[in-house]
Amino acid sequence: MDYSPLVRELFWHPQASGPLPDEAPSVYRGEAGTAASGAWVRLHLRIDAGRVTDARFQAYGCPHTLAAASWLAQHLPGRSADRAFPEGISGLARVLELPEAKLGRLLIVEDALNDALRHWRERRVEFTASGPTSTRG
């Protein structure tokens, strides 16, 4: 398979890889896919005052999967958590020059992001409904 220069760069030199410490109350983790299915992604987001302040990823899969997770983790900090991925799947596919057959890999990355943001939203609702709570997402 032929990979775009950006996919090759992000695969060989991934940025923002590895976990964030889970003990921080503002860290939310999202996961999607399975290693058995050939693609697995876990995203760690630090969200403070509704803004992503740090993002890291762990992933297993093809170069497209790792490149997409790396690109997203690099570009999330500074964005509003409510609008963290305005490019969407089609925009990321264009940036990485992904073949249509690999779009499913991007869905796994997006699902991991949505899972992390779901944990953040649930925690935010719990906090506003009943004050601080010790549950983790």
N, C-alpha and C. Protein backbone atom coordinates (compact mmCIF):
# COMPACT_ATOMS: atom_id res chain seq x y z
N MET A 1 0.85 -1.18 0.00
CA MET A 1 0.00 0.00 0.00
C MET A 1 0.89 1.23 0.00
N ASP A 2 0.45 2.24 -0.73
CA ASP A 2 1.18 3.50 -0.79
C ASP A 2 0.60 4.44 0.26
N TYR A 3 1.46 5.04 1.06
CA TYR A 3 1.04 5.96 2.11
C TYR A 3 1.44 7.38 1.76
N SER A 4 0.62 8.33 2.15
CA SER A 4 0.96 9.73 1.91
C SER A 4 2.17 10.11 2.76
N PRO A 5 2.87 11.18 2.38
CA PRO A 5 4.02 11.62 3.19
C PRO A 5 3.64 11.91 4.65
N LEU A 6 2.46 12.50 4.88
CA LEU A 6 2.05 12.80 6.25
C LEU A 6 1.79 11.53 7.04
N VAL A 7 1.14 10.54 6.43
CA VAL A 7 0.90 9.27 7.12
C VAL A 7 2.23 8.62 7.48
N ARG A 8 3.16 8.61 6.54
CA ARG A 8 4.48 8.03 6.83
C ARG A 8 5.16 8.77 7.98
N GLU A 9 5.11 10.09 7.94
CA GLU A 9 5.75 10.89 9.00
C GLU A 9 5.14 10.60 10.37
N LEU A 10 3.80 10.60 10.44
CA LEU A 10 3.13 10.37 11.72
C LEU A 10 3.28 8.93 12.20
N PHE A 11 3.42 8.00 11.28
CA PHE A 11 3.62 6.60 11.66
C PHE A 11 5.02 6.40 12.23
N TRP A 12 6.02 6.92 11.54
CA TRP A 12 7.41 6.71 11.97
C TRP A 12 7.81 7.63 13.11
N HIS A 13 7.16 8.78 13.22
CA HIS A 13 7.48 9.75 14.27
C HIS A 13 6.19 10.25 14.92
N PRO A 14 5.48 9.37 15.61
CA PRO A 14 4.19 9.78 16.19
C PRO A 14 4.38 10.87 17.24
N GLN A 15 3.43 11.77 17.26
CA GLN A 15 3.42 12.84 18.24
C GLN A 15 2.30 12.56 19.25
N ALA A 16 2.51 12.95 20.47
CA ALA A 16 1.48 12.84 21.51
C ALA A 16 1.10 11.40 21.82
N SER A 17 2.05 10.49 21.73
CA SER A 17 1.73 9.10 22.06
C SER A 17 1.99 8.82 23.53
N GLY A 18 1.23 7.89 24.07
CA GLY A 18 1.35 7.52 25.48
C GLY A 18 0.20 8.09 26.28
N PRO A 19 -0.02 7.55 27.47
CA PRO A 19 -1.16 7.99 28.28
C PRO A 19 -0.88 9.28 29.05
N LEU A 20 -1.96 9.92 29.48
CA LEU A 20 -1.89 10.98 30.47
C LEU A 20 -2.15 10.32 31.83
N PRO A 21 -1.61 10.85 32.91
CA PRO A 21 -1.87 10.25 34.22
C PRO A 21 -3.37 10.26 34.53
N ASP A 22 -3.91 9.09 34.82
CA ASP A 22 -5.35 8.97 35.09
C ASP A 22 -5.79 9.60 36.40
N GLU A 23 -4.85 9.81 37.31
CA GLU A 23 -5.27 10.33 38.62
C GLU A 23 -5.72 11.79 38.56
N ALA A 24 -5.37 12.49 37.51
CA ALA A 24 -5.80 13.88 37.39
C ALA A 24 -7.32 13.93 37.18
N PRO A 25 -8.03 14.75 37.95
CA PRO A 25 -9.49 14.77 37.83
C PRO A 25 -9.99 15.29 36.49
N SER A 26 -9.16 15.98 35.75
CA SER A 26 -9.62 16.55 34.48
C SER A 26 -9.21 15.70 33.27
N VAL A 27 -8.78 14.44 33.50
CA VAL A 27 -8.38 13.55 32.41
C VAL A 27 -9.51 12.57 32.13
N TYR A 28 -9.86 12.48 30.86
CA TYR A 28 -10.94 11.59 30.42
C TYR A 28 -10.39 10.68 29.34
N ARG A 29 -10.75 9.41 29.43
CA ARG A 29 -10.23 8.42 28.50
C ARG A 29 -11.38 7.86 27.67
N GLY A 30 -11.11 7.67 26.38
CA GLY A 30 -12.08 7.06 25.48
C GLY A 30 -11.40 5.98 24.67
N GLU A 31 -12.13 4.95 24.36
CA GLU A 31 -11.53 3.79 23.68
C GLU A 31 -12.50 3.25 22.63
N ALA A 32 -11.94 2.70 21.56
CA ALA A 32 -12.77 2.08 20.51
C ALA A 32 -11.94 1.05 19.77
N GLY A 33 -12.64 0.08 19.17
CA GLY A 33 -11.98 -0.97 18.42
C GLY A 33 -11.37 -2.02 19.33
N THR A 34 -10.77 -3.03 18.72
CA THR A 34 -10.07 -4.08 19.46
C THR A 34 -8.83 -4.49 18.68
N ALA A 35 -7.83 -4.92 19.39
CA ALA A 35 -6.62 -5.42 18.72
C ALA A 35 -6.96 -6.63 17.87
N ALA A 36 -7.89 -7.45 18.34
CA ALA A 36 -8.28 -8.65 17.59
C ALA A 36 -8.90 -8.29 16.24
N SER A 37 -9.55 -7.13 16.16
CA SER A 37 -10.16 -6.72 14.89
C SER A 37 -9.17 -5.97 14.00
N GLY A 38 -7.98 -5.71 14.52
CA GLY A 38 -6.95 -5.06 13.72
C GLY A 38 -6.77 -3.58 13.96
N ALA A 39 -7.64 -2.98 14.76
CA ALA A 39 -7.50 -1.55 15.06
C ALA A 39 -8.09 -1.25 16.43
N TRP A 40 -7.30 -0.61 17.26
CA TRP A 40 -7.71 -0.22 18.60
C TRP A 40 -7.10 1.15 18.89
N VAL A 41 -7.90 2.05 19.46
CA VAL A 41 -7.43 3.39 19.79
C VAL A 41 -7.95 3.77 21.17
N ARG A 42 -7.06 4.34 21.97
CA ARG A 42 -7.44 4.94 23.25
C ARG A 42 -6.93 6.38 23.23
N LEU A 43 -7.83 7.31 23.49
CA LEU A 43 -7.46 8.72 23.58
C LEU A 43 -7.59 9.17 25.03
N HIS A 44 -6.63 9.95 25.47
CA HIS A 44 -6.64 10.56 26.80
C HIS A 44 -6.74 12.06 26.58
N LEU A 45 -7.74 12.68 27.17
CA LEU A 45 -7.93 14.12 27.03
C LEU A 45 -7.90 14.78 28.40
N ARG A 46 -7.19 15.87 28.51
CA ARG A 46 -7.28 16.72 29.69
C ARG A 46 -8.16 17.89 29.27
N ILE A 47 -9.26 18.07 29.99
CA ILE A 47 -10.21 19.13 29.66
C ILE A 47 -10.38 20.02 30.88
N ASP A 48 -10.04 21.28 30.72
CA ASP A 48 -10.17 22.26 31.79
C ASP A 48 -11.03 23.41 31.29
N ALA A 49 -12.06 23.76 32.07
CA ALA A 49 -12.96 24.86 31.73
C ALA A 49 -13.52 24.72 30.32
N GLY A 50 -13.86 23.47 29.94
CA GLY A 50 -14.49 23.23 28.64
C GLY A 50 -13.55 23.23 27.46
N ARG A 51 -12.25 23.30 27.71
CA ARG A 51 -11.26 23.35 26.62
C ARG A 51 -10.28 22.20 26.78
N VAL A 52 -9.96 21.55 25.65
CA VAL A 52 -8.96 20.49 25.67
C VAL A 52 -7.60 21.15 25.87
N THR A 53 -6.90 20.77 26.94
CA THR A 53 -5.60 21.37 27.22
C THR A 53 -4.45 20.42 26.92
N ASP A 54 -4.75 19.13 26.81
CA ASP A 54 -3.72 18.15 26.44
C ASP A 54 -4.43 16.93 25.88
N ALA A 55 -3.78 16.24 24.99
CA ALA A 55 -4.34 15.02 24.40
C ALA A 55 -3.19 14.07 24.08
N ARG A 56 -3.42 12.81 24.35
CA ARG A 56 -2.43 11.77 24.07
C ARG A 56 -3.20 10.57 23.50
N PHE A 57 -2.48 9.67 22.85
CA PHE A 57 -3.14 8.50 22.30
C PHE A 57 -2.30 7.25 22.51
N GLN A 58 -2.98 6.13 22.50
CA GLN A 58 -2.38 4.81 22.41
C GLN A 58 -3.15 4.11 21.31
N ALA A 59 -2.46 3.36 20.46
CA ALA A 59 -3.16 2.74 19.34
C ALA A 59 -2.45 1.48 18.88
N TYR A 60 -3.23 0.62 18.27
CA TYR A 60 -2.73 -0.58 17.61
C TYR A 60 -3.43 -0.63 16.26
N GLY A 61 -2.68 -0.87 15.22
CA GLY A 61 -3.30 -1.00 13.91
C GLY A 61 -2.35 -0.63 12.80
N CYS A 62 -2.92 -0.38 11.66
CA CYS A 62 -2.15 -0.05 10.46
C CYS A 62 -1.59 1.37 10.55
N PRO A 63 -0.69 1.74 9.66
CA PRO A 63 -0.15 3.10 9.68
C PRO A 63 -1.23 4.19 9.60
N HIS A 64 -2.32 3.93 8.88
CA HIS A 64 -3.39 4.93 8.80
C HIS A 64 -4.03 5.16 10.16
N THR A 65 -4.25 4.10 10.91
CA THR A 65 -4.85 4.21 12.24
C THR A 65 -3.96 5.03 13.17
N LEU A 66 -2.69 4.68 13.21
CA LEU A 66 -1.76 5.39 14.09
C LEU A 66 -1.58 6.84 13.66
N ALA A 67 -1.51 7.09 12.37
CA ALA A 67 -1.36 8.46 11.89
C ALA A 67 -2.58 9.30 12.24
N ALA A 68 -3.77 8.74 12.08
CA ALA A 68 -4.99 9.49 12.39
C ALA A 68 -5.07 9.81 13.88
N ALA A 69 -4.74 8.85 14.73
CA ALA A 69 -4.77 9.08 16.18
C ALA A 69 -3.72 10.13 16.57
N SER A 70 -2.55 10.05 15.97
CA SER A 70 -1.49 11.01 16.26
C SER A 70 -1.89 12.41 15.82
N TRP A 71 -2.42 12.53 14.61
CA TRP A 71 -2.83 13.83 14.09
C TRP A 71 -3.89 14.45 15.00
N LEU A 72 -4.88 13.65 15.37
CA LEU A 72 -5.96 14.17 16.20
C LEU A 72 -5.43 14.61 17.57
N ALA A 73 -4.59 13.80 18.20
CA ALA A 73 -4.04 14.16 19.51
C ALA A 73 -3.20 15.44 19.43
N GLN A 74 -2.53 15.66 18.33
CA GLN A 74 -1.75 16.89 18.15
C GLN A 74 -2.64 18.12 17.99
N HIS A 75 -3.79 17.95 17.35
CA HIS A 75 -4.62 19.10 17.00
C HIS A 75 -5.75 19.39 17.98
N LEU A 76 -5.99 18.54 18.95
CA LEU A 76 -7.07 18.78 19.91
C LEU A 76 -6.77 19.87 20.94
N PRO A 77 -5.55 19.95 21.48
CA PRO A 77 -5.30 20.98 22.50
C PRO A 77 -5.60 22.39 21.99
N GLY A 78 -6.31 23.13 22.85
CA GLY A 78 -6.71 24.49 22.51
C GLY A 78 -8.13 24.58 21.98
N ARG A 79 -8.70 23.45 21.62
CA ARG A 79 -10.06 23.45 21.07
C ARG A 79 -11.10 23.31 22.17
N SER A 80 -12.28 23.82 21.90
CA SER A 80 -13.41 23.63 22.79
C SER A 80 -13.79 22.15 22.79
N ALA A 81 -14.06 21.61 23.96
CA ALA A 81 -14.47 20.20 24.03
C ALA A 81 -15.81 19.98 23.34
N ASP A 82 -16.63 21.01 23.28
CA ASP A 82 -17.93 20.88 22.61
C ASP A 82 -17.80 20.84 21.10
N ARG A 83 -16.66 21.27 20.58
CA ARG A 83 -16.45 21.28 19.13
C ARG A 83 -15.00 20.88 18.85
N ALA A 84 -14.65 19.71 19.35
CA ALA A 84 -13.26 19.27 19.32
C ALA A 84 -12.78 18.80 17.95
N PHE A 85 -13.69 18.34 17.10
CA PHE A 85 -13.27 17.72 15.84
C PHE A 85 -14.07 18.28 14.67
N PRO A 86 -13.93 19.59 14.39
CA PRO A 86 -14.75 20.19 13.33
C PRO A 86 -14.42 19.66 11.94
N GLU A 87 -13.21 19.14 11.74
CA GLU A 87 -12.84 18.59 10.43
C GLU A 87 -13.68 17.37 10.08
N GLY A 88 -14.05 16.61 11.10
CA GLY A 88 -14.79 15.37 10.88
C GLY A 88 -13.97 14.35 10.11
N ILE A 89 -14.59 13.22 9.86
CA ILE A 89 -13.93 12.11 9.17
C ILE A 89 -13.49 12.52 7.77
N SER A 90 -14.35 13.20 7.05
CA SER A 90 -14.00 13.54 5.66
C SER A 90 -12.82 14.51 5.61
N GLY A 91 -12.79 15.46 6.54
CA GLY A 91 -11.67 16.40 6.57
C GLY A 91 -10.36 15.71 6.92
N LEU A 92 -10.40 14.82 7.91
CA LEU A 92 -9.19 14.09 8.29
C LEU A 92 -8.73 13.16 7.17
N ALA A 93 -9.67 12.56 6.47
CA ALA A 93 -9.32 11.69 5.32
C ALA A 93 -8.59 12.50 4.25
N ARG A 94 -9.05 13.73 4.00
CA ARG A 94 -8.36 14.59 3.02
C ARG A 94 -6.96 14.96 3.49
N VAL A 95 -6.84 15.34 4.76
CA VAL A 95 -5.53 15.74 5.30
C VAL A 95 -4.52 14.60 5.18
N LEU A 96 -4.96 13.39 5.53
CA LEU A 96 -4.06 12.23 5.51
C LEU A 96 -4.00 11.53 4.15
N GLU A 97 -4.84 11.99 3.21
CA GLU A 97 -4.91 11.38 1.87
C GLU A 97 -5.19 9.88 1.97
N LEU A 98 -6.21 9.54 2.75
CA LEU A 98 -6.56 8.14 2.97
C LEU A 98 -7.36 7.58 1.81
N PRO A 99 -7.08 6.34 1.43
CA PRO A 99 -7.93 5.68 0.44
C PRO A 99 -9.30 5.38 1.06
N GLU A 100 -10.30 5.35 0.24
CA GLU A 100 -11.67 5.12 0.72
C GLU A 100 -11.79 3.83 1.53
N ALA A 101 -11.02 2.82 1.17
CA ALA A 101 -11.08 1.54 1.88
C ALA A 101 -10.63 1.65 3.33
N LYS A 102 -9.94 2.71 3.69
CA LYS A 102 -9.43 2.88 5.05
C LYS A 102 -10.27 3.83 5.91
N LEU A 103 -11.38 4.31 5.40
CA LEU A 103 -12.20 5.25 6.17
C LEU A 103 -12.72 4.64 7.47
N GLY A 104 -12.90 3.34 7.50
CA GLY A 104 -13.33 2.67 8.73
C GLY A 104 -12.36 2.87 9.87
N ARG A 105 -11.09 3.00 9.57
CA ARG A 105 -10.08 3.24 10.61
C ARG A 105 -10.32 4.60 11.26
N LEU A 106 -10.73 5.57 10.47
CA LEU A 106 -11.02 6.89 11.02
C LEU A 106 -12.24 6.87 11.93
N LEU A 107 -13.19 6.01 11.61
CA LEU A 107 -14.37 5.89 12.47
C LEU A 107 -13.98 5.39 13.85
N ILE A 108 -13.00 4.51 13.92
CA ILE A 108 -12.54 4.00 15.22
C ILE A 108 -11.89 5.13 16.02
N VAL A 109 -11.09 5.95 15.35
CA VAL A 109 -10.46 7.10 16.02
C VAL A 109 -11.55 8.06 16.50
N GLU A 110 -12.52 8.34 15.65
CA GLU A 110 -13.62 9.23 16.03
C GLU A 110 -14.43 8.64 17.19
N ASP A 111 -14.67 7.33 17.17
CA ASP A 111 -15.41 6.69 18.27
C ASP A 111 -14.66 6.82 19.59
N ALA A 112 -13.33 6.68 19.56
CA ALA A 112 -12.54 6.85 20.79
C ALA A 112 -12.67 8.28 21.31
N LEU A 113 -12.62 9.25 20.41
CA LEU A 113 -12.80 10.65 20.81
C LEU A 113 -14.19 10.85 21.41
N ASN A 114 -15.20 10.35 20.74
CA ASN A 114 -16.57 10.51 21.24
C ASN A 114 -16.76 9.85 22.60
N ASP A 115 -16.09 8.72 22.82
CA ASP A 115 -16.18 8.03 24.11
C ASP A 115 -15.55 8.89 25.21
N ALA A 116 -14.39 9.48 24.95
CA ALA A 116 -13.76 10.36 25.95
C ALA A 116 -14.64 11.57 26.23
N LEU A 117 -15.19 12.16 25.19
CA LEU A 117 -16.05 13.34 25.38
C LEU A 117 -17.35 12.97 26.09
N ARG A 118 -17.84 11.77 25.86
CA ARG A 118 -19.03 11.30 26.59
C ARG A 118 -18.74 11.24 28.08
N HIS A 119 -17.57 10.70 28.45
CA HIS A 119 -17.19 10.65 29.88
C HIS A 119 -17.10 12.06 30.46
N TRP A 120 -16.54 12.98 29.70
CA TRP A 120 -16.45 14.36 30.17
C TRP A 120 -17.84 14.96 30.38
N ARG A 121 -18.73 14.77 29.41
CA ARG A 121 -20.09 15.32 29.52
C ARG A 121 -20.82 14.73 30.71
N GLU A 122 -20.69 13.40 30.90
CA GLU A 122 -21.35 12.75 32.04
C GLU A 122 -20.82 13.32 33.35
N ARG A 123 -19.53 13.52 33.44
CA ARG A 123 -18.92 14.05 34.65
C ARG A 123 -19.37 15.48 34.89
N ARG A 124 -19.47 16.24 33.81
CA ARG A 124 -19.91 17.64 33.92
C ARG A 124 -21.35 17.71 34.41
N VAL A 125 -22.21 16.83 33.90
CA VAL A 125 -23.61 16.80 34.34
C VAL A 125 -23.68 16.39 35.80
N GLU A 126 -22.90 15.37 36.20
CA GLU A 126 -22.89 14.95 37.60
C GLU A 126 -22.44 16.09 38.50
N PHE A 127 -21.42 16.82 38.07
CA PHE A 127 -20.88 17.91 38.87
C PHE A 127 -21.91 19.02 39.04
N THR A 128 -22.56 19.40 37.96
CA THR A 128 -23.53 20.49 38.05
C THR A 128 -24.80 20.07 38.77
N ALA A 129 -25.15 18.78 38.70
CA ALA A 129 -26.37 18.30 39.34
C ALA A 129 -26.20 18.10 40.84
N SER A 130 -25.02 17.65 41.26
CA SER A 130 -24.88 17.30 42.68
C SER A 130 -23.59 17.80 43.31
N GLY A 131 -22.91 18.71 42.67
CA GLY A 131 -21.64 19.17 43.21
C GLY A 131 -20.53 18.21 42.83
N PRO A 132 -19.32 18.42 43.33
CA PRO A 132 -18.20 17.55 42.98
C PRO A 132 -18.47 16.10 43.33
N THR A 133 -17.98 15.19 42.51
CA THR A 133 -18.14 13.76 42.74
C THR A 133 -16.83 13.07 42.45
N SER A 134 -16.67 11.89 42.96
CA SER A 134 -15.39 11.19 42.80
C SER A 134 -15.42 10.15 41.69
N THR A 135 -16.48 10.09 40.90
CA THR A 135 -16.52 9.10 39.82
C THR A 135 -15.55 9.47 38.72
N ARG A 136 -15.01 8.48 38.07
CA ARG A 136 -14.03 8.68 36.99
C ARG A 136 -14.62 8.25 35.67
N GLY A 137 -14.22 8.90 34.59
CA GLY A 137 -14.65 8.55 33.23
C GLY A 137 -13.57 7.91 32.45
